[in-house]
Every structure is written in structure tokens, then in C-alpha cells.
Amino acid sequence: MIKVPDLKEILQKNPSVSAKELQDIDNLTQELRRLGLKPRGYRLAMPHERRQAKSGCVDVPDPRSVHLSESRGP
């Protein structure tokens, strides 16, 4: 289970943040959620929505390709 840090832990690890600033941020976040604003999430595209990578030119053969000739046999 994910451990949620409490207010004391956050303030100990961030000495430049005051308790009042943290409380103001928490109040603002609660107010925005009450108004209907939802967290954005990860914004990851589904596999079928992703853009496909394209090479520069489709007519030019890839120089890394290896072309094997037919074997002539023994």
C-alpha cells in the first residue's frame, strides 16, 4: 500500500516551506476539486493513438540492411 506522508514529514523534508504555505496550497487544491477541477493524471497516449515514427525517405534503402545472395550449393 502507498504510504501517504503527513504534514510533519513534509515540513521536515522541506525546510524552505512553511506550514502556512502548505495549508494554503491544500485549501486551494480542495477548493478547485470542489469546483470540479480534476487532477490531470499521466497523460499517456494509448498504443493505437500514438504517432508512428517515420524514417526520412521511403525510396532510399537502409544502408544497415544486409542482402544475402542465394547459396549455390556444394
PDB file of N, CA and C in Angstrom:
ATOM      1  N   MET A   1       0.836  -1.179   0.000  1.00  0.00           N
ATOM      2  CA  MET A   1       0.000   0.000   0.000  1.00  0.00           C
ATOM      3  C   MET A   1       0.884   1.247   0.000  1.00  0.00           C
ATOM      4  N   ILE A   2       0.441   2.281  -0.645  1.00  0.00           N
ATOM      5  CA  ILE A   2       1.207   3.516  -0.748  1.00  0.00           C
ATOM      6  C   ILE A   2       1.125   4.272   0.573  1.00  0.00           C
ATOM      7  N   LYS A   3       2.300   4.711   1.046  1.00  0.00           N
ATOM      8  CA  LYS A   3       2.356   5.473   2.287  1.00  0.00           C
ATOM      9  C   LYS A   3       2.187   6.949   1.951  1.00  0.00           C
ATOM     10  N   VAL A   4       1.188   7.573   2.530  1.00  0.00           N
ATOM     11  CA  VAL A   4       0.932   8.989   2.316  1.00  0.00           C
ATOM     12  C   VAL A   4       1.641   9.768   3.419  1.00  0.00           C
ATOM     13  N   PRO A   5       2.541  10.685   3.047  1.00  0.00           N
ATOM     14  CA  PRO A   5       3.259  11.440   4.079  1.00  0.00           C
ATOM     15  C   PRO A   5       2.317  12.401   4.805  1.00  0.00           C
ATOM     16  N   ASP A   6       2.578  12.591   6.095  1.00  0.00           N
ATOM     17  CA  ASP A   6       1.751  13.541   6.834  1.00  0.00           C
ATOM     18  C   ASP A   6       2.421  14.909   6.817  1.00  0.00           C
ATOM     19  N   LEU A   7       1.759  15.893   7.394  1.00  0.00           N
ATOM     20  CA  LEU A   7       2.216  17.270   7.365  1.00  0.00           C
ATOM     21  C   LEU A   7       3.587  17.432   8.010  1.00  0.00           C
ATOM     22  N   LYS A   8       3.830  16.759   9.115  1.00  0.00           N
ATOM     23  CA  LYS A   8       5.118  16.885   9.805  1.00  0.00           C
ATOM     24  C   LYS A   8       6.266  16.367   8.945  1.00  0.00           C
ATOM     25  N   GLU A   9       6.071  15.240   8.268  1.00  0.00           N
ATOM     26  CA  GLU A   9       7.113  14.677   7.398  1.00  0.00           C
ATOM     27  C   GLU A   9       7.432  15.617   6.241  1.00  0.00           C
ATOM     28  N   ILE A  10       6.412  16.192   5.654  1.00  0.00           N
ATOM     29  CA  ILE A  10       6.617  17.110   4.533  1.00  0.00           C
ATOM     30  C   ILE A  10       7.411  18.324   4.984  1.00  0.00           C
ATOM     31  N   LEU A  11       7.058  18.885   6.122  1.00  0.00           N
ATOM     32  CA  LEU A  11       7.756  20.071   6.623  1.00  0.00           C
ATOM     33  C   LEU A  11       9.188  19.758   7.039  1.00  0.00           C
ATOM     34  N   GLN A  12       9.435  18.574   7.572  1.00  0.00           N
ATOM     35  CA  GLN A  12      10.795  18.198   7.954  1.00  0.00           C
ATOM     36  C   GLN A  12      11.696  18.049   6.738  1.00  0.00           C
ATOM     37  N   LYS A  13      11.170  17.501   5.666  1.00  0.00           N
ATOM     38  CA  LYS A  13      11.972  17.259   4.466  1.00  0.00           C
ATOM     39  C   LYS A  13      12.109  18.506   3.598  1.00  0.00           C
ATOM     40  N   ASN A  14      11.288  19.521   3.841  1.00  0.00           N
ATOM     41  CA  ASN A  14      11.313  20.750   3.044  1.00  0.00           C
ATOM     42  C   ASN A  14      11.371  21.962   3.968  1.00  0.00           C
ATOM     43  N   PRO A  15      12.538  22.298   4.486  1.00  0.00           N
ATOM     44  CA  PRO A  15      12.623  23.400   5.444  1.00  0.00           C
ATOM     45  C   PRO A  15      12.293  24.765   4.846  1.00  0.00           C
ATOM     46  N   SER A  16      12.341  24.901   3.533  1.00  0.00           N
ATOM     47  CA  SER A  16      12.026  26.191   2.914  1.00  0.00           C
ATOM     48  C   SER A  16      10.522  26.431   2.782  1.00  0.00           C
ATOM     49  N   VAL A  17       9.708  25.440   3.106  1.00  0.00           N
ATOM     50  CA  VAL A  17       8.252  25.560   3.017  1.00  0.00           C
ATOM     51  C   VAL A  17       7.695  25.730   4.421  1.00  0.00           C
ATOM     52  N   SER A  18       6.844  26.740   4.581  1.00  0.00           N
ATOM     53  CA  SER A  18       6.249  26.960   5.900  1.00  0.00           C
ATOM     54  C   SER A  18       4.929  26.191   6.007  1.00  0.00           C
ATOM     55  N   ALA A  19       4.505  25.985   7.235  1.00  0.00           N
ATOM     56  CA  ALA A  19       3.244  25.269   7.477  1.00  0.00           C
ATOM     57  C   ALA A  19       2.066  26.052   6.915  1.00  0.00           C
ATOM     58  N   LYS A  20       2.132  27.388   6.981  1.00  0.00           N
ATOM     59  CA  LYS A  20       1.032  28.208   6.459  1.00  0.00           C
ATOM     60  C   LYS A  20       0.936  28.081   4.939  1.00  0.00           C
ATOM     61  N   GLU A  21       2.092  28.088   4.244  1.00  0.00           N
ATOM     62  CA  GLU A  21       2.080  27.932   2.785  1.00  0.00           C
ATOM     63  C   GLU A  21       1.495  26.578   2.390  1.00  0.00           C
ATOM     64  N   LEU A  22       1.876  25.552   3.098  1.00  0.00           N
ATOM     65  CA  LEU A  22       1.379  24.208   2.797  1.00  0.00           C
ATOM     66  C   LEU A  22      -0.128  24.122   3.044  1.00  0.00           C
ATOM     67  N   GLN A  23      -0.598  24.753   4.102  1.00  0.00           N
ATOM     68  CA  GLN A  23      -2.042  24.754   4.394  1.00  0.00           C
ATOM     69  C   GLN A  23      -2.798  25.545   3.327  1.00  0.00           C
ATOM     70  N   ASP A  24      -2.223  26.673   2.866  1.00  0.00           N
ATOM     71  CA  ASP A  24      -2.864  27.468   1.813  1.00  0.00           C
ATOM     72  C   ASP A  24      -2.983  26.659   0.515  1.00  0.00           C
ATOM     73  N   ILE A  25      -1.919  25.934   0.177  1.00  0.00           N
ATOM     74  CA  ILE A  25      -1.945  25.101  -1.028  1.00  0.00           C
ATOM     75  C   ILE A  25      -2.997  24.004  -0.906  1.00  0.00           C
ATOM     76  N   ASP A  26      -3.074  23.382   0.263  1.00  0.00           N
ATOM     77  CA  ASP A  26      -4.062  22.324   0.492  1.00  0.00           C
ATOM     78  C   ASP A  26      -5.478  22.874   0.378  1.00  0.00           C
ATOM     79  N   ASN A  27      -5.719  24.050   0.957  1.00  0.00           N
ATOM     80  CA  ASN A  27      -7.047  24.678   0.876  1.00  0.00           C
ATOM     81  C   ASN A  27      -7.411  25.017  -0.568  1.00  0.00           C
ATOM     82  N   LEU A  28      -6.453  25.548  -1.315  1.00  0.00           N
ATOM     83  CA  LEU A  28      -6.705  25.883  -2.712  1.00  0.00           C
ATOM     84  C   LEU A  28      -7.007  24.630  -3.535  1.00  0.00           C
ATOM     85  N   THR A  29      -6.252  23.560  -3.298  1.00  0.00           N
ATOM     86  CA  THR A  29      -6.476  22.304  -4.009  1.00  0.00           C
ATOM     87  C   THR A  29      -7.871  21.758  -3.724  1.00  0.00           C
ATOM     88  N   GLN A  30      -8.277  21.786  -2.464  1.00  0.00           N
ATOM     89  CA  GLN A  30      -9.617  21.303  -2.104  1.00  0.00           C
ATOM     90  C   GLN A  30     -10.701  22.154  -2.753  1.00  0.00           C
ATOM     91  N   GLU A  31     -10.502  23.456  -2.806  1.00  0.00           N
ATOM     92  CA  GLU A  31     -11.487  24.347  -3.420  1.00  0.00           C
ATOM     93  C   GLU A  31     -11.604  24.093  -4.923  1.00  0.00           C
ATOM     94  N   LEU A  32     -10.474  23.899  -5.588  1.00  0.00           N
ATOM     95  CA  LEU A  32     -10.507  23.619  -7.026  1.00  0.00           C
ATOM     96  C   LEU A  32     -11.181  22.283  -7.319  1.00  0.00           C
ATOM     97  N   ARG A  33     -10.934  21.290  -6.509  1.00  0.00           N
ATOM     98  CA  ARG A  33     -11.597  19.987  -6.704  1.00  0.00           C
ATOM     99  C   ARG A  33     -13.086  20.087  -6.434  1.00  0.00           C
ATOM    100  N   ARG A  34     -13.471  20.931  -5.458  1.00  0.00           N
ATOM    101  CA  ARG A  34     -14.886  21.130  -5.168  1.00  0.00           C
ATOM    102  C   ARG A  34     -15.586  21.785  -6.358  1.00  0.00           C
ATOM    103  N   LEU A  35     -14.858  22.643  -7.080  1.00  0.00           N
ATOM    104  CA  LEU A  35     -15.420  23.317  -8.252  1.00  0.00           C
ATOM    105  C   LEU A  35     -15.447  22.422  -9.489  1.00  0.00           C
ATOM    106  N   GLY A  36     -14.830  21.233  -9.384  1.00  0.00           N
ATOM    107  CA  GLY A  36     -14.897  20.282 -10.492  1.00  0.00           C
ATOM    108  C   GLY A  36     -13.591  20.058 -11.227  1.00  0.00           C
ATOM    109  N   LEU A  37     -12.523  20.728 -10.840  1.00  0.00           N
ATOM    110  CA  LEU A  37     -11.239  20.516 -11.493  1.00  0.00           C
ATOM    111  C   LEU A  37     -10.650  19.197 -11.024  1.00  0.00           C
ATOM    112  N   LYS A  38     -10.252  18.362 -11.981  1.00  0.00           N
ATOM    113  CA  LYS A  38      -9.724  17.042 -11.644  1.00  0.00           C
ATOM    114  C   LYS A  38      -8.225  17.011 -11.935  1.00  0.00           C
ATOM    115  N   PRO A  39      -7.479  16.176 -11.203  1.00  0.00           N
ATOM    116  CA  PRO A  39      -6.056  16.045 -11.498  1.00  0.00           C
ATOM    117  C   PRO A  39      -5.849  15.553 -12.928  1.00  0.00           C
ATOM    118  N   ARG A  40      -4.758  15.952 -13.556  1.00  0.00           N
ATOM    119  CA  ARG A  40      -4.518  15.623 -14.956  1.00  0.00           C
ATOM    120  C   ARG A  40      -4.131  14.181 -15.181  1.00  0.00           C
ATOM    121  N   GLY A  41      -3.495  13.542 -14.248  1.00  0.00           N
ATOM    122  CA  GLY A  41      -3.055  12.174 -14.467  1.00  0.00           C
ATOM    123  C   GLY A  41      -1.767  12.149 -15.255  1.00  0.00           C
ATOM    124  N   TYR A  42      -1.465  11.025 -15.871  1.00  0.00           N
ATOM    125  CA  TYR A  42      -0.197  10.851 -16.568  1.00  0.00           C
ATOM    126  C   TYR A  42      -0.209  11.345 -18.002  1.00  0.00           C
ATOM    127  N   ARG A  43      -1.358  11.501 -18.610  1.00  0.00           N
ATOM    128  CA  ARG A  43      -1.498  11.956 -19.996  1.00  0.00           C
ATOM    129  C   ARG A  43      -0.770  11.049 -20.978  1.00  0.00           C
ATOM    130  N   LEU A  44      -0.804   9.742 -20.750  1.00  0.00           N
ATOM    131  CA  LEU A  44      -0.162   8.798 -21.670  1.00  0.00           C
ATOM    132  C   LEU A  44      -1.123   8.454 -22.797  1.00  0.00           C
ATOM    133  N   ALA A  45      -0.602   8.412 -23.995  1.00  0.00           N
ATOM    134  CA  ALA A  45      -1.431   8.049 -25.139  1.00  0.00           C
ATOM    135  C   ALA A  45      -1.591   6.537 -25.187  1.00  0.00           C
ATOM    136  N   MET A  46      -2.755   6.101 -25.606  1.00  0.00           N
ATOM    137  CA  MET A  46      -2.989   4.681 -25.785  1.00  0.00           C
ATOM    138  C   MET A  46      -2.157   4.208 -26.976  1.00  0.00           C
ATOM    139  N   PRO A  47      -1.794   2.925 -27.043  1.00  0.00           N
ATOM    140  CA  PRO A  47      -0.933   2.452 -28.136  1.00  0.00           C
ATOM    141  C   PRO A  47      -1.474   2.765 -29.525  1.00  0.00           C
ATOM    142  N   HIS A  48      -2.779   2.677 -29.732  1.00  0.00           N
ATOM    143  CA  HIS A  48      -3.324   2.945 -31.064  1.00  0.00           C
ATOM    144  C   HIS A  48      -3.421   4.442 -31.349  1.00  0.00           C
ATOM    145  N   GLU A  49      -3.218   5.307 -30.338  1.00  0.00           N
ATOM    146  CA  GLU A  49      -3.281   6.750 -30.532  1.00  0.00           C
ATOM    147  C   GLU A  49      -1.905   7.360 -30.775  1.00  0.00           C
ATOM    148  N   ARG A  50      -0.860   6.614 -30.484  1.00  0.00           N
ATOM    149  CA  ARG A  50       0.488   7.157 -30.592  1.00  0.00           C
ATOM    150  C   ARG A  50       0.863   7.430 -32.043  1.00  0.00           C
ATOM    151  N   ARG A  51       1.686   8.450 -32.228  1.00  0.00           N
ATOM    152  CA  ARG A  51       2.201   8.739 -33.563  1.00  0.00           C
ATOM    153  C   ARG A  51       3.284   7.732 -33.898  1.00  0.00           C
ATOM    154  N   GLN A  52       3.311   7.287 -35.128  1.00  0.00           N
ATOM    155  CA  GLN A  52       4.300   6.322 -35.574  1.00  0.00           C
ATOM    156  C   GLN A  52       5.554   7.047 -36.039  1.00  0.00           C
ATOM    157  N   ALA A  53       6.696   6.514 -35.696  1.00  0.00           N
ATOM    158  CA  ALA A  53       7.959   7.090 -36.141  1.00  0.00           C
ATOM    159  C   ALA A  53       8.132   6.820 -37.625  1.00  0.00           C
ATOM    160  N   LYS A  54       8.631   7.810 -38.333  1.00  0.00           N
ATOM    161  CA  LYS A  54       8.845   7.667 -39.774  1.00  0.00           C
ATOM    162  C   LYS A  54      10.293   7.965 -40.084  1.00  0.00           C
ATOM    163  N   SER A  55      10.850   7.213 -41.004  1.00  0.00           N
ATOM    164  CA  SER A  55      12.220   7.488 -41.428  1.00  0.00           C
ATOM    165  C   SER A  55      12.183   8.638 -42.431  1.00  0.00           C
ATOM    166  N   GLY A  56      13.354   9.156 -42.746  1.00  0.00           N
ATOM    167  CA  GLY A  56      13.426  10.328 -43.616  1.00  0.00           C
ATOM    168  C   GLY A  56      12.887  10.108 -45.012  1.00  0.00           C
ATOM    169  N   CYS A  57      13.300   9.047 -45.665  1.00  0.00           N
ATOM    170  CA  CYS A  57      12.931   8.860 -47.063  1.00  0.00           C
ATOM    171  C   CYS A  57      12.572   7.394 -47.294  1.00  0.00           C
ATOM    172  N   VAL A  58      11.419   7.142 -47.876  1.00  0.00           N
ATOM    173  CA  VAL A  58      10.986   5.763 -48.059  1.00  0.00           C
ATOM    174  C   VAL A  58      11.602   5.107 -49.296  1.00  0.00           C
ATOM    175  N   ASP A  59      12.098   5.889 -50.267  1.00  0.00           N
ATOM    176  CA  ASP A  59      12.635   5.328 -51.502  1.00  0.00           C
ATOM    177  C   ASP A  59      14.089   4.884 -51.370  1.00  0.00           C
ATOM    178  N   VAL A  60      14.783   5.373 -50.381  1.00  0.00           N
ATOM    179  CA  VAL A  60      16.202   5.053 -50.216  1.00  0.00           C
ATOM    180  C   VAL A  60      16.329   3.824 -49.331  1.00  0.00           C
ATOM    181  N   PRO A  61      17.072   2.795 -49.777  1.00  0.00           N
ATOM    182  CA  PRO A  61      17.236   1.599 -48.941  1.00  0.00           C
ATOM    183  C   PRO A  61      18.076   1.919 -47.692  1.00  0.00           C
ATOM    184  N   ASP A  62      17.835   1.211 -46.672  1.00  0.00           N
ATOM    185  CA  ASP A  62      18.557   1.393 -45.421  1.00  0.00           C
ATOM    186  C   ASP A  62      19.973   0.835 -45.592  1.00  0.00           C
ATOM    187  N   PRO A  63      21.024   1.648 -45.360  1.00  0.00           N
ATOM    188  CA  PRO A  63      22.392   1.158 -45.555  1.00  0.00           C
ATOM    189  C   PRO A  63      22.791   0.086 -44.542  1.00  0.00           C
ATOM    190  N   ARG A  64      22.020  -0.074 -43.481  1.00  0.00           N
ATOM    191  CA  ARG A  64      22.335  -1.096 -42.482  1.00  0.00           C
ATOM    192  C   ARG A  64      21.795  -2.460 -42.876  1.00  0.00           C
ATOM    193  N   SER A  65      20.999  -2.529 -43.935  1.00  0.00           N
ATOM    194  CA  SER A  65      20.412  -3.799 -44.353  1.00  0.00           C
ATOM    195  C   SER A  65      21.481  -4.711 -44.940  1.00  0.00           C
ATOM    196  N   VAL A  66      21.355  -5.966 -44.671  1.00  0.00           N
ATOM    197  CA  VAL A  66      22.276  -6.956 -45.219  1.00  0.00           C
ATOM    198  C   VAL A  66      21.501  -7.774 -46.245  1.00  0.00           C
ATOM    199  N   HIS A  67      22.033  -7.824 -47.465  1.00  0.00           N
ATOM    200  CA  HIS A  67      21.377  -8.585 -48.530  1.00  0.00           C
ATOM    201  C   HIS A  67      22.215  -9.827 -48.790  1.00  0.00           C
ATOM    202  N   LEU A  68      21.608 -10.979 -48.628  1.00  0.00           N
ATOM    203  CA  LEU A  68      22.317 -12.234 -48.836  1.00  0.00           C
ATOM    204  C   LEU A  68      21.982 -12.775 -50.215  1.00  0.00           C
ATOM    205  N   SER A  69      22.999 -13.244 -50.889  1.00  0.00           N
ATOM    206  CA  SER A  69      22.755 -13.840 -52.203  1.00  0.00           C
ATOM    207  C   SER A  69      22.328 -15.285 -52.012  1.00  0.00           C
ATOM    208  N   GLU A  70      21.743 -15.859 -53.018  1.00  0.00           N
ATOM    209  CA  GLU A  70      21.298 -17.247 -52.927  1.00  0.00           C
ATOM    210  C   GLU A  70      22.518 -18.153 -52.831  1.00  0.00           C
ATOM    211  N   SER A  71      22.406 -19.187 -52.044  1.00  0.00           N
ATOM    212  CA  SER A  71      23.550 -20.112 -51.959  1.00  0.00           C
ATOM    213  C   SER A  71      23.570 -20.981 -53.219  1.00  0.00           C
ATOM    214  N   ARG A  72      24.765 -21.339 -53.672  1.00  0.00           N
ATOM    215  CA  ARG A  72      24.911 -22.104 -54.911  1.00  0.00           C
ATOM    216  C   ARG A  72      25.000 -23.601 -54.618  1.00  0.00           C
ATOM    217  N   GLY A  73      25.107 -23.952 -53.356  1.00  0.00           N
ATOM    218  CA  GLY A  73      25.126 -25.368 -53.018  1.00  0.00           C
ATOM    219  C   GLY A  73      26.518 -25.981 -53.162  1.00  0.00           C
ATOM    220  N   PRO A  74      26.698 -27.226 -52.689  1.00  0.00           N
ATOM    221  CA  PRO A  74      28.021 -27.893 -52.762  1.00  0.00           C
ATOM    222  C   PRO A  74      28.319 -28.444 -54.120  1.00  0.00           C
TER     223      PRO A  74
END
